[in-house]
């Protein structure tokens, strides 16, 4: 069976309001999931990289190990299971508690799923920063928090920016998995259009092209941003001794 390109174009134009709404929701899920996932990933990644200092008090050492254990389990579970399964399981499990809508659940699920991947990316970025920089920061009186926020995190994010940006592209595509809990996004709208006229090939051809356009635009934007970041060579030194 061949594709009727004329009919595919006609379907795209006729149903554009539905497709456009799906595109906006797909972008919203991808952006929120990536940004919230990055924020959570920074915290989780930092906890996973907490050093066990021999001089730590027993209580401090216990909580550091507990934090690393919990975050490692979190990353293991959410990276090792499909987001579609996570969406269905968490939505129905927590619905009696939160009484949330599918849209709210979708934002939460894509964010916590992304956080697991972001945490590993951030962890690798933190470990790529020379340990000598941390030691030098401590030597001039910086606290662990100041060292992490002013020295480690900026370099870690810069070193891992391509991987962080790739998660945005992944989220644009993987947002369709939220269709399992009836979240209205691009793939959900495509299913509605295809089901109404029974022309699945043409409608899903349109959908594939729209996803390709979205991921291509995201790639161009990320490449432009990466070039801008790589051109930044100035460094600002703050006095933390005061």
Protein backbone atom coordinates (compact mmCIF):
# COMPACT_ATOMS: atom_id res chain seq x y z
CA UNK A 1 0.00 0.00 0.00
CA UNK A 2 1.45 3.36 -1.05
CA UNK A 3 1.17 6.77 0.53
CA UNK A 4 -1.21 9.28 -1.01
CA UNK A 5 0.86 12.42 -0.43
CA UNK A 6 -1.93 14.69 -1.63
CA UNK A 7 -4.33 13.19 0.89
CA UNK A 8 -1.66 13.39 3.60
CA UNK A 9 -1.27 17.11 2.94
CA UNK A 10 -5.04 17.54 2.91
CA UNK A 11 -5.33 15.78 6.27
CA UNK A 12 -2.59 17.95 7.74
CA UNK A 13 -4.30 21.17 6.65
CA UNK A 14 -7.82 20.05 7.56
CA UNK A 15 -6.84 18.85 11.02
CA UNK A 16 -4.14 21.44 11.71
CA UNK A 17 -5.83 22.84 14.85
CA UNK A 18 -5.68 19.36 16.41
CA UNK A 19 -2.09 18.81 15.32
CA UNK A 20 -1.08 22.28 16.49
CA UNK A 21 -2.53 21.68 19.94
CA UNK A 22 -0.69 18.37 20.09
CA UNK A 23 2.56 20.08 19.07
CA UNK A 24 2.19 22.72 21.79
CA UNK A 25 1.54 20.09 24.44
CA UNK A 26 4.45 17.95 23.24
CA UNK A 27 6.79 20.95 23.48
CA UNK A 28 5.41 21.79 26.93
CA UNK A 29 5.98 18.26 28.22
CA UNK A 30 9.47 18.15 26.73
CA UNK A 31 10.53 21.52 28.15
CA UNK A 32 9.05 21.03 31.62
CA UNK A 33 10.34 17.48 31.82
CA UNK A 34 13.84 18.54 30.79
CA UNK A 35 14.09 21.61 33.05
CA UNK A 36 12.53 20.03 36.14
CA UNK A 37 14.45 16.83 35.45
CA UNK A 38 17.67 18.83 35.26
CA UNK A 39 16.95 20.56 38.59
CA UNK A 40 16.21 17.22 40.27
CA UNK A 41 19.15 15.60 38.50
CA UNK A 42 21.53 18.23 39.89
CA UNK A 43 20.45 17.40 43.43
CA UNK A 44 20.47 13.63 42.89
CA UNK A 45 23.79 13.71 41.04
CA UNK A 46 25.36 15.82 43.79
CA UNK A 47 24.15 13.41 46.48
CA UNK A 48 25.55 10.45 44.55
CA UNK A 49 28.93 12.19 44.42
CA UNK A 50 29.12 13.10 48.10
CA UNK A 51 32.61 12.13 49.28
CA UNK A 52 32.93 9.96 52.39
CA UNK A 53 35.45 11.90 54.43
CA UNK A 54 37.25 9.81 57.12
CA UNK A 55 36.85 12.83 59.43
CA UNK A 56 33.07 12.82 59.11
CA UNK A 57 31.05 12.20 62.24
CA UNK A 58 29.23 8.83 62.33
CA UNK A 59 25.85 10.52 61.88
CA UNK A 60 27.06 12.54 58.90
CA UNK A 61 28.63 9.45 57.35
CA UNK A 62 25.39 7.49 57.89
CA UNK A 63 23.23 10.08 56.14
CA UNK A 64 25.69 10.39 53.26
CA UNK A 65 25.60 6.63 52.70
CA UNK A 66 21.81 6.57 53.06
CA UNK A 67 21.45 9.39 50.54
CA UNK A 68 23.70 7.61 48.06
CA UNK A 69 21.78 4.36 48.55
CA UNK A 70 18.36 5.97 48.01
CA UNK A 71 19.43 7.97 44.95
CA UNK A 72 21.19 4.95 43.44
CA UNK A 73 18.01 2.90 43.87
CA UNK A 74 15.95 5.71 42.31
CA UNK A 75 18.21 5.91 39.26
CA UNK A 76 18.30 2.12 38.92
CA UNK A 77 14.50 1.83 38.93
CA UNK A 78 13.64 4.75 36.64
CA UNK A 79 16.39 4.04 34.12
CA UNK A 80 15.63 0.32 34.11
CA UNK A 81 11.89 0.49 33.41
CA UNK A 82 9.98 1.97 30.43
CA UNK A 83 8.38 5.36 30.96
CA UNK A 84 5.10 4.00 29.62
CA UNK A 85 4.98 1.42 32.43
CA UNK A 86 5.97 4.09 34.97
CA UNK A 87 3.18 6.35 33.70
CA UNK A 88 0.45 3.74 34.02
CA UNK A 89 1.69 2.42 37.37
CA UNK A 90 2.22 5.79 39.07
CA UNK A 91 -0.90 7.41 37.63
CA UNK A 92 -3.28 4.76 38.93
CA UNK A 93 -1.31 4.14 42.12
CA UNK A 94 -1.31 7.78 43.21
CA UNK A 95 -4.62 8.93 41.71
CA UNK A 96 -6.60 8.06 44.89
CA UNK A 97 -4.09 10.14 46.90
CA UNK A 98 -3.58 13.22 44.71
CA UNK A 99 -6.74 13.04 42.57
CA UNK A 100 -4.61 14.40 39.78
CA UNK A 101 -5.50 14.87 36.14
CA UNK A 102 -3.70 13.02 33.37
CA UNK A 103 -1.94 16.23 32.36
CA UNK A 104 -0.52 16.89 35.83
CA UNK A 105 0.48 13.25 36.12
CA UNK A 106 2.17 13.47 32.74
CA UNK A 107 4.28 16.46 33.77
CA UNK A 108 5.32 14.75 37.00
CA UNK A 109 6.13 11.40 35.41
CA UNK A 110 8.21 12.76 32.52
CA UNK A 111 10.10 14.98 35.00
CA UNK A 112 11.02 12.24 37.47
CA UNK A 113 11.90 9.90 34.61
CA UNK A 114 14.19 12.50 33.07
CA UNK A 115 15.75 13.25 36.46
CA UNK A 116 17.15 9.71 36.64
CA UNK A 117 19.00 10.18 33.35
CA UNK A 118 20.05 13.73 34.21
CA UNK A 119 21.48 12.54 37.53
CA UNK A 120 23.81 10.11 35.79
CA UNK A 121 24.85 12.75 33.27
CA UNK A 122 25.54 15.26 36.06
CA UNK A 123 27.40 12.65 38.10
CA UNK A 124 29.73 11.95 35.20
CA UNK A 125 30.18 15.69 34.69
CA UNK A 126 31.07 16.24 38.35
CA UNK A 127 33.55 13.39 38.28
CA UNK A 128 35.17 14.88 35.16
CA UNK A 129 36.15 18.04 37.08
CA UNK A 130 39.69 17.86 38.45
CA UNK A 131 39.71 17.05 42.18
CA UNK A 132 42.47 19.62 42.59
CA UNK A 133 39.95 22.39 41.99
CA UNK A 134 37.89 21.26 44.96
CA UNK A 135 40.98 21.11 47.15
CA UNK A 136 42.03 24.57 46.01
CA UNK A 137 38.55 25.94 46.79
CA UNK A 138 38.69 24.52 50.30
CA UNK A 139 42.18 25.99 50.75
CA UNK A 140 40.83 29.52 50.17
CA UNK A 141 37.99 29.02 52.63
CA UNK A 142 35.07 28.07 50.39
CA UNK A 143 32.39 25.82 51.84
CA UNK A 144 31.28 22.62 50.13
CA UNK A 145 28.10 24.37 48.94
CA UNK A 146 30.04 27.33 47.52
CA UNK A 147 32.48 25.00 45.82
CA UNK A 148 29.70 22.97 44.25
CA UNK A 149 27.65 25.96 43.07
CA UNK A 150 30.49 28.22 41.88
CA UNK A 151 33.08 25.76 40.59
CA UNK A 152 31.85 22.20 40.13
CA UNK A 153 28.31 22.61 38.75
CA UNK A 154 29.16 25.23 36.07
CA UNK A 155 31.94 23.06 34.67
CA UNK A 156 29.91 19.86 34.98
CA UNK A 157 27.00 21.36 33.05
CA UNK A 158 29.31 22.78 30.39
CA UNK A 159 31.12 19.45 29.97
CA UNK A 160 27.88 17.49 29.68
CA UNK A 161 25.76 20.02 27.78
CA UNK A 162 25.48 17.86 24.62
CA UNK A 163 24.12 14.98 26.71
CA UNK A 164 21.81 17.29 28.66
CA UNK A 165 20.50 18.78 25.44
CA UNK A 166 19.97 15.35 23.98
CA UNK A 167 17.47 14.67 26.76
CA UNK A 168 15.27 17.45 25.38
CA UNK A 169 15.18 15.70 22.02
CA UNK A 170 14.49 12.37 23.72
CA UNK A 171 11.62 13.94 25.67
CA UNK A 172 10.07 15.37 22.50
CA UNK A 173 9.86 11.85 21.13
CA UNK A 174 9.16 9.96 24.35
CA UNK A 175 6.30 12.23 25.40
CA UNK A 176 4.14 10.02 23.19
CA UNK A 177 4.47 7.30 25.84
CA UNK A 178 2.21 9.36 28.08
CA UNK A 179 -0.53 8.43 25.66
CA UNK A 180 -0.85 5.29 27.83
CA UNK A 181 -2.71 7.40 30.42
CA UNK A 182 -4.61 9.41 27.78
CA UNK A 183 -2.43 12.51 27.94
CA UNK A 184 -3.30 14.75 25.01
CA UNK A 185 -0.14 15.39 22.96
CA UNK A 186 0.85 15.05 19.32
CA UNK A 187 0.61 11.26 19.07
CA UNK A 188 -2.73 11.24 20.91
CA UNK A 189 -4.10 13.77 18.42
CA UNK A 190 -2.76 11.72 15.53
CA UNK A 191 -4.58 8.67 16.82
CA UNK A 192 -7.80 10.67 17.02
CA UNK A 193 -7.46 11.94 13.45
CA UNK A 194 -6.48 8.53 12.07
CA UNK A 195 -9.34 6.84 13.87
CA UNK A 196 -11.88 9.28 12.48
CA UNK A 197 -11.01 8.72 8.81
CA UNK A 198 -9.27 5.31 8.92
CA UNK A 199 -6.33 6.64 6.85
CA UNK A 200 -3.55 5.59 9.20
CA UNK A 201 -0.66 5.70 6.75
CA UNK A 202 -1.15 9.30 5.67
CA UNK A 203 -1.92 10.59 9.17
CA UNK A 204 1.06 8.89 10.78
CA UNK A 205 3.24 10.07 7.91
CA UNK A 206 2.20 13.63 8.80
CA UNK A 207 2.91 12.91 12.46
CA UNK A 208 6.38 11.55 11.72
CA UNK A 209 7.23 14.66 9.70
CA UNK A 210 6.02 16.92 12.53
CA UNK A 211 8.16 15.05 15.08
CA UNK A 212 11.12 15.26 12.71
CA UNK A 213 10.65 19.03 12.38
CA UNK A 214 10.46 19.46 16.15
CA UNK A 215 13.59 17.42 16.85
CA UNK A 216 15.50 19.14 14.04
CA UNK A 217 14.63 22.60 15.36
CA UNK A 218 15.62 21.51 18.86
CA UNK A 219 18.94 20.16 17.55
CA UNK A 220 19.71 23.42 15.74
CA UNK A 221 18.87 25.45 18.85
CA UNK A 222 21.04 23.24 21.07
CA UNK A 223 23.96 23.39 18.62
CA UNK A 224 23.72 27.19 18.56
CA UNK A 225 23.61 27.33 22.37
CA UNK A 226 26.56 24.95 22.68
CA UNK A 227 28.67 27.14 20.41
CA UNK A 228 27.81 30.18 22.52
CA UNK A 229 28.77 28.33 25.71
CA UNK A 230 32.06 27.13 24.24
CA UNK A 231 32.96 30.70 23.27
CA UNK A 232 32.74 31.78 26.90
CA UNK A 233 36.34 32.02 28.09
CA UNK A 234 36.13 34.67 30.79
CA UNK A 235 36.23 33.56 34.42
CA UNK A 236 35.12 35.57 37.41
CA UNK A 237 36.87 34.96 40.73
CA UNK A 238 34.96 35.86 43.87
CA UNK A 239 36.49 36.51 47.26
CA UNK A 240 35.05 33.93 49.66
CA UNK A 241 37.53 34.64 52.43
CA UNK A 242 35.49 37.60 53.75
